[in-house]
Amino acid sequence: MGTFELTNNTQFRKLNSKSLRELKELLNDYKLSYRNKLKLDERLQFGVEIEFDGFPMEMVNSFLYIVSPEWKVVPERSLAEGGEVVSPILHNNENSWEYLNEVCSFLSIAGAKDDELTGAHVHAGADMLGYNTRAWKNLGKLIMAYENIIFRFSSGEYNRLRDGIDLMAYPIALDLYYEYKYNSEYDSCLASVLYFLGIKEKFQSFNFKNVKMFDLESRVKKNTIEYRLPNGTFEPVIWQNNVNMFLHLLDACNRDLDEDYINKRINRLDEVYNYTGYDKIDEEGALNFVDQIFDNDLDKAYFLRQYYKDNKNVQLGEEFKLVKNFIK
């Protein structure tokens, strides 16, 4: 393997040991760049919420008013001095990515903090799954099978997830698993599947409280799935990578998945994971995950570089810190 291209779609999970070593060596020195566009449909809608600490909201509001009045700053009650920048509806085009870059650059240069108290949330239009019950069931299965992979990836350029993650974006794979295993009615219809996913709960790793599939009036205002896991960051490359993973994850739910492997992972949940090891490298799972949701080597490499970070497992009680820089 010499490079990563959008035109290639190598099945990483099928690499022999020699090719796998070459892949990891290449990833170890690989630097991620900010892209003008991602390999996603431009019609897809998403939004971001950028938490910041230790900086006056008024100054952020003044900057947004001048640069892009559609972006807003709102209070964030979990932060003593700070807030949350909320984007308008964004699309996969140069204009949206340019605005995101400008907002992140301002917060960073101005001296705001993206510390262990802050989060970075991504919203995606629930219309990506629509009324397709099978797609929503697939999302539940992907979360059950790969939540540990997504957790480690979501720590971004830091060694571990932020403090308070168990309160603000707690894992749900085991809860889903027990419903899936013991409740035969969970997938009888779309309403049952949404209830199974936790449509009344906000502080999950994936939040479905804003899904309004059966409330047509509310859907006009807000009908989104929220990815709450990521650490706070002002690094636009990390933001773009998080958005790219989330939208591809949802898009994959509309396709045929490797059901045998997914079910194998799901059936091991109560024996193996039990919410331990979410910071540990699960190489087999990561390679299978990128093959399931991405259709090109470049996106797979971007995900895996953020996933592997410095190739170290986090130790219990380890300090929250930046890892080896992997961004250009």
Foldseek 3Di string as FASTA:
>chain_A
DADFDQVDFDLLLPDDPVVVVVLVVCLLQAAFEDDLFDPDDQPWKKKKKFWWADDALVVLCVVCVVPPNQWHWDADVLYPHTTIIIHDIGGGHNVRLVVLLVSLVCCVVVDIDLDLSTWMKMKTAPCLCAQPLQLLVLLLLCLLQCVLLVQLLQQFQKLHHGPPLCPQANRCNVQLLVCVVPPPCCSVGNVSVCVSVPCPDARHQKHNVQAPNPPVVSSVPTHIIMRTRHGRHSDSSSVVLVVVLVVLSSNLSVDDFPVVSSVVSNVCRVPPPPPPPSSPDDPSSLSRSCSSRDRTRVSSSSSVSSNCQNVDGDDPPDDIDGGPRRHD
